[in-house]
N, C-alpha and C. Protein backbone atom coordinates (compact mmCIF):
# COMPACT_ATOMS: atom_id res chain seq x y z
N UNK A 1 -56.62 -122.65 91.17
CA UNK A 1 -57.35 -121.47 90.83
C UNK A 1 -56.38 -120.50 90.40
N UNK A 2 -56.90 -119.42 89.40
CA UNK A 2 -55.74 -118.46 89.20
C UNK A 2 -55.05 -117.48 90.05
N UNK A 3 -54.33 -117.01 90.06
CA UNK A 3 -53.76 -115.94 91.14
C UNK A 3 -53.62 -114.64 90.27
N UNK A 4 -53.83 -113.32 90.87
CA UNK A 4 -53.91 -112.17 90.73
C UNK A 4 -52.93 -111.00 91.44
N UNK A 5 -52.21 -110.71 90.74
CA UNK A 5 -51.71 -108.95 91.01
C UNK A 5 -52.30 -107.72 90.94
N UNK A 6 -52.96 -107.02 92.21
CA UNK A 6 -53.57 -106.15 91.95
C UNK A 6 -52.80 -104.70 92.26
N UNK A 7 -53.12 -103.61 91.70
CA UNK A 7 -52.47 -102.38 91.58
C UNK A 7 -53.59 -101.22 91.60
N UNK A 8 -53.25 -100.21 92.55
CA UNK A 8 -53.99 -98.57 92.20
C UNK A 8 -52.96 -97.64 92.45
N UNK A 9 -52.96 -96.85 91.43
CA UNK A 9 -52.14 -95.66 91.08
C UNK A 9 -52.73 -94.41 91.14
N UNK A 10 -52.52 -93.24 91.62
CA UNK A 10 -52.57 -91.94 91.03
C UNK A 10 -51.95 -91.63 90.01
N UNK A 11 -52.47 -91.02 88.59
CA UNK A 11 -51.96 -90.80 87.65
C UNK A 11 -52.00 -89.30 87.37
N UNK A 12 -51.16 -88.54 87.16
CA UNK A 12 -51.48 -86.74 86.63
C UNK A 12 -52.50 -87.21 85.34
N UNK A 13 -53.19 -86.48 85.46
CA UNK A 13 -54.43 -86.85 84.08
C UNK A 13 -53.75 -86.80 82.78
N UNK A 14 -53.04 -85.62 82.68
CA UNK A 14 -51.98 -84.76 81.84
C UNK A 14 -51.00 -86.21 81.35
N UNK A 15 -51.12 -87.22 82.19
CA UNK A 15 -50.09 -88.09 81.66
C UNK A 15 -50.66 -89.22 81.33
N UNK A 16 -51.32 -89.32 80.90
CA UNK A 16 -52.70 -90.61 80.31
C UNK A 16 -51.82 -91.36 79.30
N UNK A 17 -51.61 -90.65 78.43
CA UNK A 17 -50.79 -91.48 76.90
C UNK A 17 -49.85 -91.71 77.53
N UNK A 18 -49.15 -91.38 78.00
CA UNK A 18 -47.42 -91.91 78.78
C UNK A 18 -47.90 -92.99 79.20
N UNK A 19 -48.41 -93.06 80.27
CA UNK A 19 -49.44 -94.02 81.47
C UNK A 19 -49.52 -95.44 80.25
N UNK A 20 -50.46 -94.92 79.32
CA UNK A 20 -50.90 -96.10 78.24
C UNK A 20 -49.83 -96.83 78.14
N UNK A 21 -49.20 -95.81 76.98
CA UNK A 21 -48.18 -96.71 76.47
C UNK A 21 -47.31 -97.46 77.36
N UNK A 22 -46.97 -96.97 78.46
CA UNK A 22 -45.52 -97.71 79.75
C UNK A 22 -46.59 -99.23 79.83
N UNK A 23 -47.94 -98.93 80.00
CA UNK A 23 -48.81 -100.00 80.50
C UNK A 23 -48.73 -101.10 79.34
N UNK A 24 -48.74 -100.89 78.10
CA UNK A 24 -48.66 -101.30 77.03
C UNK A 24 -47.71 -102.60 77.07
N UNK A 25 -46.48 -101.58 77.09
CA UNK A 25 -44.93 -102.12 76.77
C UNK A 25 -45.14 -103.23 78.17
N UNK A 26 -45.22 -103.25 79.45
CA UNK A 26 -45.16 -103.63 80.50
C UNK A 26 -46.36 -105.07 80.07
N UNK A 27 -47.61 -104.90 79.69
CA UNK A 27 -48.30 -105.90 79.45
C UNK A 27 -47.63 -107.21 78.59
N UNK A 28 -46.84 -106.63 77.54
CA UNK A 28 -46.39 -107.35 76.45
C UNK A 28 -45.15 -107.98 77.17
N UNK A 29 -44.57 -107.90 78.39
CA UNK A 29 -43.39 -108.43 78.73
C UNK A 29 -44.22 -109.40 80.27
N UNK A 30 -45.45 -109.12 80.85
CA UNK A 30 -45.70 -110.05 81.68
C UNK A 30 -46.67 -110.85 81.14
N UNK A 31 -47.15 -111.05 79.66
CA UNK A 31 -47.67 -111.72 79.16
C UNK A 31 -46.80 -112.85 78.39
N UNK A 32 -45.39 -112.53 78.41
CA UNK A 32 -44.57 -113.14 78.05
C UNK A 32 -44.04 -113.94 78.67
N UNK A 33 -43.98 -113.85 79.99
CA UNK A 33 -43.18 -114.65 81.37
C UNK A 33 -44.42 -115.12 81.96
N UNK A 34 -45.75 -115.25 81.14
CA UNK A 34 -46.69 -116.16 81.72
C UNK A 34 -48.14 -115.48 82.46
N UNK A 35 -47.97 -114.29 82.23
CA UNK A 35 -49.70 -114.08 82.33
C UNK A 35 -50.54 -113.85 81.68
N UNK A 36 -51.44 -114.28 81.82
CA UNK A 36 -52.67 -114.64 80.95
C UNK A 36 -53.23 -113.57 80.61
N UNK A 37 -53.64 -112.33 81.40
CA UNK A 37 -54.43 -111.44 81.33
C UNK A 37 -53.47 -110.32 82.13
N UNK A 38 -53.50 -108.88 81.25
CA UNK A 38 -53.13 -107.66 81.80
C UNK A 38 -54.63 -106.60 81.54
N UNK A 39 -54.96 -106.05 82.70
CA UNK A 39 -55.93 -105.23 82.45
C UNK A 39 -55.68 -103.90 83.40
N UNK A 40 -55.87 -102.73 82.74
CA UNK A 40 -55.27 -101.28 82.93
C UNK A 40 -57.17 -100.64 82.96
N UNK A 41 -57.35 -99.76 84.08
CA UNK A 41 -58.71 -99.02 83.94
C UNK A 41 -58.25 -97.70 84.59
N UNK A 42 -58.96 -96.85 83.65
CA UNK A 42 -58.70 -95.19 84.31
C UNK A 42 -59.84 -94.74 85.09
N UNK A 43 -60.01 -94.50 86.19
CA UNK A 43 -61.11 -94.11 86.75
C UNK A 43 -61.88 -93.37 86.20
N UNK A 44 -63.15 -93.55 86.34
CA UNK A 44 -64.19 -92.19 85.85
C UNK A 44 -65.26 -92.02 87.27
N UNK A 45 -65.17 -92.96 87.66
CA UNK A 45 -66.39 -92.95 88.78
C UNK A 45 -65.79 -92.90 90.41
N UNK A 46 -64.70 -92.45 90.99
CA UNK A 46 -64.23 -92.93 91.99
C UNK A 46 -64.08 -92.22 92.78
N UNK A 47 -65.54 -92.08 93.68
CA UNK A 47 -65.77 -91.21 94.64
C UNK A 47 -64.84 -91.09 96.10
N UNK A 48 -64.79 -89.79 96.51
CA UNK A 48 -64.04 -89.27 97.52
C UNK A 48 -64.92 -90.42 98.51
N UNK A 49 -63.96 -90.76 99.57
CA UNK A 49 -64.72 -91.76 100.80
C UNK A 49 -64.61 -90.65 102.28
N UNK A 50 -65.41 -91.06 103.32
CA UNK A 50 -65.10 -90.53 104.53
C UNK A 50 -64.46 -91.06 105.33
N UNK A 51 -64.04 -92.44 105.28
CA UNK A 51 -63.22 -92.88 106.34
C UNK A 51 -62.06 -93.55 104.87
N UNK A 52 -62.54 -94.25 104.70
CA UNK A 52 -61.37 -94.87 103.21
C UNK A 52 -61.73 -94.81 101.88
N UNK A 53 -60.92 -94.92 101.09
CA UNK A 53 -61.55 -94.84 99.52
C UNK A 53 -60.18 -94.98 98.27
N UNK A 54 -60.91 -95.39 97.58
CA UNK A 54 -59.17 -95.81 96.28
C UNK A 54 -58.10 -94.13 96.51
N UNK A 55 -59.35 -92.93 96.07
CA UNK A 55 -58.48 -91.52 96.20
C UNK A 55 -57.52 -91.36 97.42
N UNK A 56 -58.49 -91.26 98.73
CA UNK A 56 -57.53 -91.48 100.00
C UNK A 56 -56.18 -92.51 99.88
N UNK A 57 -56.33 -93.96 99.30
CA UNK A 57 -55.29 -94.76 99.70
C UNK A 57 -54.14 -94.25 98.85
N UNK A 58 -54.36 -93.66 97.79
CA UNK A 58 -53.26 -93.23 96.99
C UNK A 58 -52.75 -91.77 96.79
N UNK A 59 -53.60 -91.12 97.95
CA UNK A 59 -53.28 -89.61 98.14
C UNK A 59 -53.57 -88.55 96.76
N UNK A 60 -54.54 -89.05 95.97
CA UNK A 60 -54.89 -88.45 94.74
C UNK A 60 -54.80 -86.91 95.21
N UNK A 61 -54.06 -86.26 94.23
CA UNK A 61 -54.42 -85.22 93.82
C UNK A 61 -55.07 -84.41 92.97
N UNK A 62 -55.74 -83.05 93.31
CA UNK A 62 -56.93 -82.66 92.28
C UNK A 62 -56.37 -82.95 90.72
N UNK A 63 -55.33 -82.89 90.25
CA UNK A 63 -55.29 -83.13 88.72
C UNK A 63 -54.57 -84.15 88.67
N UNK A 64 -55.11 -85.77 89.47
CA UNK A 64 -54.76 -86.91 89.29
C UNK A 64 -55.75 -87.97 88.96
N UNK A 65 -55.77 -88.82 88.30
CA UNK A 65 -56.87 -89.78 87.95
C UNK A 65 -56.57 -90.84 88.71
N UNK A 66 -57.21 -91.54 89.55
CA UNK A 66 -57.18 -92.95 89.41
C UNK A 66 -57.14 -94.49 88.88
N UNK A 67 -56.02 -94.95 89.11
CA UNK A 67 -56.06 -96.22 87.59
C UNK A 67 -55.79 -97.41 88.80
N UNK A 68 -56.73 -98.44 88.43
CA UNK A 68 -56.78 -99.98 88.89
C UNK A 68 -56.54 -100.87 88.00
N UNK A 69 -55.56 -101.32 88.21
CA UNK A 69 -55.15 -102.42 87.13
C UNK A 69 -54.94 -103.77 87.77
N UNK A 70 -55.12 -105.00 87.32
CA UNK A 70 -54.80 -106.00 87.77
C UNK A 70 -54.01 -107.16 86.52
N UNK A 71 -53.14 -108.22 87.08
CA UNK A 71 -52.76 -109.04 86.26
C UNK A 71 -52.84 -110.68 86.65
N UNK A 72 -53.48 -111.02 85.66
CA UNK A 72 -54.09 -112.54 85.96
C UNK A 72 -52.97 -113.74 85.87
N UNK A 73 -52.25 -114.44 86.35
CA UNK A 73 -51.51 -115.50 86.23
C UNK A 73 -52.38 -116.94 86.81
N UNK A 74 -51.59 -118.02 85.85
CA UNK A 74 -52.30 -119.13 86.30
C UNK A 74 -52.30 -119.62 87.51
N UNK A 75 -51.07 -119.59 88.40
CA UNK A 75 -51.17 -119.80 89.99
C UNK A 75 -49.99 -118.84 90.39
N UNK A 76 -49.76 -119.01 91.77
CA UNK A 76 -48.81 -118.38 92.56
C UNK A 76 -47.78 -118.54 91.95
N UNK A 77 -46.96 -119.78 91.62
CA UNK A 77 -46.00 -120.12 91.65
C UNK A 77 -45.19 -119.37 89.93
N UNK A 78 -46.32 -119.78 88.90
CA UNK A 78 -46.34 -119.27 87.48
C UNK A 78 -46.32 -117.16 88.27
N UNK A 79 -47.05 -117.08 89.09
CA UNK A 79 -46.82 -115.58 89.09
C UNK A 79 -45.55 -114.97 89.83
N UNK A 80 -45.09 -115.75 90.67
CA UNK A 80 -43.68 -115.25 91.18
C UNK A 80 -42.50 -115.90 90.22
N UNK A 81 -42.57 -116.95 89.35
CA UNK A 81 -41.59 -116.86 88.42
C UNK A 81 -41.78 -115.80 87.44
N UNK A 82 -42.90 -115.97 86.92
CA UNK A 82 -43.06 -114.55 86.02
C UNK A 82 -42.63 -113.25 86.32
N UNK A 83 -43.05 -112.91 87.31
CA UNK A 83 -43.10 -111.32 88.09
C UNK A 83 -41.24 -111.29 88.56
N UNK A 84 -40.79 -112.22 88.71
CA UNK A 84 -38.98 -111.93 89.04
C UNK A 84 -38.68 -111.93 87.64
N UNK A 85 -38.87 -112.41 86.65
CA UNK A 85 -38.28 -112.64 85.23
C UNK A 85 -38.53 -111.00 84.48
N UNK A 86 -39.85 -110.76 85.00
CA UNK A 86 -40.04 -108.84 84.17
C UNK A 86 -39.27 -108.65 84.73
N UNK A 87 -39.64 -108.26 86.18
CA UNK A 87 -38.59 -107.41 86.95
C UNK A 87 -37.37 -106.97 86.65
N UNK A 88 -36.72 -108.44 85.90
CA UNK A 88 -35.07 -108.58 85.47
C UNK A 88 -35.17 -108.05 84.36
N UNK A 89 -36.35 -108.33 83.67
CA UNK A 89 -35.87 -107.60 81.96
C UNK A 89 -35.81 -106.21 82.11
N UNK A 90 -34.80 -105.91 80.74
CA UNK A 90 -34.65 -104.66 80.73
C UNK A 90 -35.44 -103.79 80.00
N UNK A 91 -36.34 -104.04 79.55
CA UNK A 91 -37.49 -103.32 78.91
C UNK A 91 -38.59 -102.77 80.04
N UNK A 92 -38.76 -103.25 81.16
CA UNK A 92 -39.31 -102.97 82.67
C UNK A 92 -38.48 -101.44 83.08
N UNK A 93 -37.10 -101.43 82.55
CA UNK A 93 -36.60 -100.37 83.28
C UNK A 93 -36.85 -98.91 83.11
N UNK A 94 -37.11 -98.31 83.98
CA UNK A 94 -37.76 -96.56 83.66
C UNK A 94 -36.87 -95.74 84.74
N UNK A 95 -36.23 -94.51 84.04
CA UNK A 95 -35.74 -93.63 85.23
C UNK A 95 -37.05 -93.01 86.26
N UNK A 96 -36.66 -93.11 87.57
CA UNK A 96 -37.73 -92.72 88.07
C UNK A 96 -38.01 -91.30 87.68
N UNK A 97 -37.41 -90.17 87.12
CA UNK A 97 -37.91 -89.00 86.45
C UNK A 97 -38.60 -88.76 85.19
N UNK A 98 -38.74 -90.73 84.54
CA UNK A 98 -39.63 -90.50 83.39
C UNK A 98 -41.01 -91.35 83.69
N UNK A 99 -40.99 -91.63 85.03
CA UNK A 99 -42.11 -92.27 85.12
C UNK A 99 -43.73 -91.54 85.34
N UNK A 100 -44.90 -92.29 84.86
CA UNK A 100 -45.79 -91.40 84.62
C UNK A 100 -46.82 -91.25 85.69
N UNK A 101 -46.22 -91.45 86.89
CA UNK A 101 -46.79 -91.87 87.76
C UNK A 101 -46.05 -91.99 89.22
N UNK A 102 -46.01 -91.49 90.45
CA UNK A 102 -45.38 -91.41 91.77
C UNK A 102 -45.84 -92.78 92.40
N UNK A 103 -44.75 -93.89 91.93
CA UNK A 103 -44.72 -94.99 92.72
C UNK A 103 -44.54 -95.16 94.20
N UNK A 104 -44.38 -94.38 94.46
CA UNK A 104 -44.19 -94.10 96.09
C UNK A 104 -45.75 -94.43 96.46
N UNK A 105 -46.83 -94.13 95.95
CA UNK A 105 -48.15 -93.94 96.33
C UNK A 105 -49.09 -94.95 95.64
N UNK A 106 -48.05 -95.94 95.05
CA UNK A 106 -48.67 -97.19 94.63
C UNK A 106 -48.86 -98.42 95.90
N UNK A 107 -50.16 -98.88 95.42
CA UNK A 107 -50.87 -99.94 96.53
C UNK A 107 -51.02 -101.27 95.21
N UNK A 108 -50.18 -102.40 95.65
CA UNK A 108 -50.17 -103.20 95.27
C UNK A 108 -50.15 -104.82 96.23
N UNK A 109 -50.74 -105.78 95.62
CA UNK A 109 -51.12 -106.87 96.33
C UNK A 109 -51.09 -107.98 95.36
N UNK A 110 -50.60 -109.56 96.44
CA UNK A 110 -51.39 -110.46 95.50
C UNK A 110 -52.46 -111.43 96.30
N UNK A 111 -53.03 -111.84 95.35
CA UNK A 111 -54.37 -112.33 95.70
C UNK A 111 -54.75 -113.76 95.18
N UNK A 112 -55.33 -114.96 96.16
CA UNK A 112 -55.21 -116.09 95.31
C UNK A 112 -56.85 -115.92 94.97
N UNK A 113 -57.19 -116.40 94.08
CA UNK A 113 -58.62 -116.28 93.72
C UNK A 113 -59.54 -117.43 94.42
N UNK A 114 -60.33 -117.08 94.98
CA UNK A 114 -61.62 -117.89 95.66
C UNK A 114 -62.93 -117.87 94.77
N UNK A 115 -63.24 -117.33 93.68
CA UNK A 115 -64.72 -117.43 93.38
C UNK A 115 -64.09 -116.94 91.79
N UNK A 116 -64.60 -117.20 90.62
CA UNK A 116 -64.78 -116.88 89.41
C UNK A 116 -65.81 -117.40 88.70
N UNK A 117 -67.08 -116.32 89.03
CA UNK A 117 -68.55 -116.37 88.53
C UNK A 117 -68.55 -115.81 87.16
């Protein structure tokens, strides 16, 4: 079954266009190296929680929007190889000062699919 990398970040709302452009460029690279699908979603119904929540997890500030993203790979091996190549690709290099979000607050992980209904 397929493999998924998932990401949650807080993006300054004013940086939506810059984030979208960065994500489009990254999607091209990921797909070139084996990803079958790349999805970026801009939060519009992401409530604060009492114990935990997406906003709490990324320490969202009032001027930020939560973004939930995922990359689908054929399997873990393809992901490991594809992600390594993607991270080495010069098109993925950005100066920290030009990043449209604070990468230190990004949550990410790899997930083995157990159901595809």
